[in-house]
C-alpha atoms as a PDB file:
ATOM      1  CA  MET A   1      -2.161  16.505 -17.592  1.00  0.00           C
ATOM      2  CA  LEU A   2      -4.517  13.669 -15.759  1.00  0.00           C
ATOM      3  CA  PHE A   3      -2.902  11.219 -18.122  1.00  0.00           C
ATOM      4  CA  SER A   4       0.466  11.943 -17.467  1.00  0.00           C
ATOM      5  CA  VAL A   5      -0.026  12.005 -13.661  1.00  0.00           C
ATOM      6  CA  VAL A   6      -1.724   8.755 -13.781  1.00  0.00           C
ATOM      7  CA  ASN A   7       0.595   7.231 -16.267  1.00  0.00           C
ATOM      8  CA  PHE A   8       3.540   8.416 -13.751  1.00  0.00           C
ATOM      9  CA  ILE A   9       2.114   6.985 -10.902  1.00  0.00           C
ATOM     10  CA  PHE A  10       1.663   3.358 -12.583  1.00  0.00           C
ATOM     11  CA  ASN A  11       5.404   3.610 -13.830  1.00  0.00           C
ATOM     12  CA  PHE A  12       6.559   4.543 -10.383  1.00  0.00           C
ATOM     13  CA  PHE A  13       4.877   1.410  -8.770  1.00  0.00           C
ATOM     14  CA  ILE A  14       6.414  -0.451 -11.348  1.00  0.00           C
ATOM     15  CA  ILE A  15       9.823   0.805 -10.959  1.00  0.00           C
ATOM     16  CA  MET A  16       9.395   0.098  -7.257  1.00  0.00           C
ATOM     17  CA  ILE A  17       8.176  -3.758  -7.648  1.00  0.00           C
ATOM     18  CA  PHE A  18      11.360  -4.143 -10.069  1.00  0.00           C
ATOM     19  CA  ALA A  19      13.562  -2.507  -7.362  1.00  0.00           C
ATOM     20  CA  ARG A  20      12.230  -5.126  -4.870  1.00  0.00           C
ATOM     21  CA  VAL A  21      12.715  -7.982  -7.124  1.00  0.00           C
ATOM     22  CA  ILE A  22      16.360  -6.774  -7.412  1.00  0.00           C
ATOM     23  CA  LEU A  23      16.831  -6.300  -3.640  1.00  0.00           C
ATOM     24  CA  SER A  24      15.522  -9.646  -2.960  1.00  0.00           C
ATOM     25  CA  TRP A  25      18.460 -11.023  -4.981  1.00  0.00           C
ATOM     26  CA  VAL A  26      21.196  -8.844  -3.391  1.00  0.00           C
ATOM     27  CA  ARG A  27      20.065  -8.730   0.087  1.00  0.00           C
ATOM     28  CA  VAL A  28      21.031  -5.244   1.233  1.00  0.00           C
ATOM     29  CA  SER A  29      20.487  -5.038   5.159  1.00  0.00           C
ATOM     30  CA  PRO A  30      17.469  -2.724   6.038  1.00  0.00           C
ATOM     31  CA  TYR A  31      19.503  -1.068   9.080  1.00  0.00           C
ATOM     32  CA  HIS A  32      22.475   0.165   6.577  1.00  0.00           C
ATOM     33  CA  PRO A  33      22.833   3.901   7.198  1.00  0.00           C
ATOM     34  CA  THR A  34      22.662   4.988   3.693  1.00  0.00           C
ATOM     35  CA  TRP A  35      20.612   2.125   1.953  1.00  0.00           C
ATOM     36  CA  GLY A  36      18.036   1.285   4.966  1.00  0.00           C
ATOM     37  CA  PRO A  37      15.958   4.119   4.282  1.00  0.00           C
ATOM     38  CA  ILE A  38      15.394   3.434   0.775  1.00  0.00           C
ATOM     39  CA  ILE A  39      14.963  -0.129   1.126  1.00  0.00           C
ATOM     40  CA  ASN A  40      12.316   0.439   3.937  1.00  0.00           C
ATOM     41  CA  PHE A  41      10.518   2.805   1.699  1.00  0.00           C
ATOM     42  CA  ILE A  42      10.414   0.472  -1.244  1.00  0.00           C
ATOM     43  CA  TYR A  43       9.140  -2.171   1.006  1.00  0.00           C
ATOM     44  CA  GLN A  44       6.460   0.027   2.512  1.00  0.00           C
ATOM     45  CA  VAL A  45       5.136   1.163  -1.004  1.00  0.00           C
ATOM     46  CA  THR A  46       5.072  -2.087  -2.728  1.00  0.00           C
ATOM     47  CA  GLU A  47       3.807  -4.470   0.559  1.00  0.00           C
ATOM     48  CA  PRO A  48       0.185  -3.135   0.306  1.00  0.00           C
ATOM     49  CA  ILE A  49       0.102  -4.525  -3.277  1.00  0.00           C
ATOM     50  CA  MET A  50       2.071  -7.683  -2.886  1.00  0.00           C
ATOM     51  CA  ALA A  51       0.717  -9.115   0.131  1.00  0.00           C
ATOM     52  CA  PRO A  52      -2.639  -9.978  -0.961  1.00  0.00           C
ATOM     53  CA  VAL A  53      -1.237 -11.639  -4.125  1.00  0.00           C
ATOM     54  CA  ARG A  54       1.142 -13.257  -1.910  1.00  0.00           C
ATOM     55  CA  ASN A  55      -1.669 -14.548   0.246  1.00  0.00           C
ATOM     56  CA  ILE A  56      -3.686 -16.019  -2.489  1.00  0.00           C
ATOM     57  CA  MET A  57      -0.753 -17.366  -4.626  1.00  0.00           C
ATOM     58  CA  PRO A  58       1.955 -18.625  -1.953  1.00  0.00           C
ATOM     59  CA  PRO A  59       5.725 -19.305  -3.209  1.00  0.00           C
ATOM     60  CA  MET A  60       5.917 -22.381  -5.337  1.00  0.00           C
ATOM     61  CA  GLY A  61       9.038 -24.464  -5.055  1.00  0.00           C
ATOM     62  CA  GLY A  62      10.742 -21.648  -3.278  1.00  0.00           C
ATOM     63  CA  PHE A  63      10.031 -19.032  -5.709  1.00  0.00           C
ATOM     64  CA  ASP A  64       7.593 -16.211  -5.237  1.00  0.00           C
ATOM     65  CA  PHE A  65       5.731 -15.067  -8.544  1.00  0.00           C
ATOM     66  CA  SER A  66       3.766 -12.603  -6.864  1.00  0.00           C
ATOM     67  CA  PRO A  67       5.652  -9.715  -8.439  1.00  0.00           C
ATOM     68  CA  ILE A  68       5.012 -11.093 -12.097  1.00  0.00           C
ATOM     69  CA  ILE A  69       1.370 -11.424 -11.461  1.00  0.00           C
ATOM     70  CA  VAL A  70       1.537  -7.757  -9.590  1.00  0.00           C
ATOM     71  CA  LEU A  71       3.306  -6.332 -12.802  1.00  0.00           C
ATOM     72  CA  LEU A  72       0.638  -8.164 -15.183  1.00  0.00           C
ATOM     73  CA  GLY A  73      -2.135  -6.938 -13.271  1.00  0.00           C
ATOM     74  CA  LEU A  74      -0.730  -3.311 -13.323  1.00  0.00           C
ATOM     75  CA  ASP A  75      -0.077  -3.093 -16.876  1.00  0.00           C
ATOM     76  CA  PHE A  76      -3.768  -4.389 -17.333  1.00  0.00           C
ATOM     77  CA  LEU A  77      -5.173  -1.877 -15.021  1.00  0.00           C
ATOM     78  CA  ARG A  78      -2.990   0.877 -16.446  1.00  0.00           C
ATOM     79  CA  ARG A  79      -4.278   0.264 -19.930  1.00  0.00           C
ATOM     80  CA  ILE A  80      -7.821   0.523 -18.836  1.00  0.00           C
ATOM     81  CA  VAL A  81      -7.538   3.403 -16.769  1.00  0.00           C
ATOM     82  CA  LEU A  82      -5.586   5.633 -19.633  1.00  0.00           C
ATOM     83  CA  SER A  83      -7.974   4.239 -22.218  1.00  0.00           C
ATOM     84  CA  PHE A  84     -10.773   5.837 -20.041  1.00  0.00           C
ATOM     85  CA  LEU A  85      -8.681   9.139 -19.924  1.00  0.00           C
ATOM     86  CA  ILE A  86      -7.693   9.555 -23.662  1.00  0.00           C
END
């Protein structure tokens, strides 16, 4: 049970980061009446994870590599946490 909950939380954050990457390509207005609350939610959930990585590793050549670093870090952390729960 705990294994499934922890795995769900990690998967949720991974999906939110992928959604944020896609939103950075599409450029939907955060003030849109339908999409605005969803966009704001995605940014509020992912910013606490992305900001420290972005501060350490600024954009290089106009590209922000922080989502890749965060995804790799989340996958590594998930493997460690879930191996303790097995």
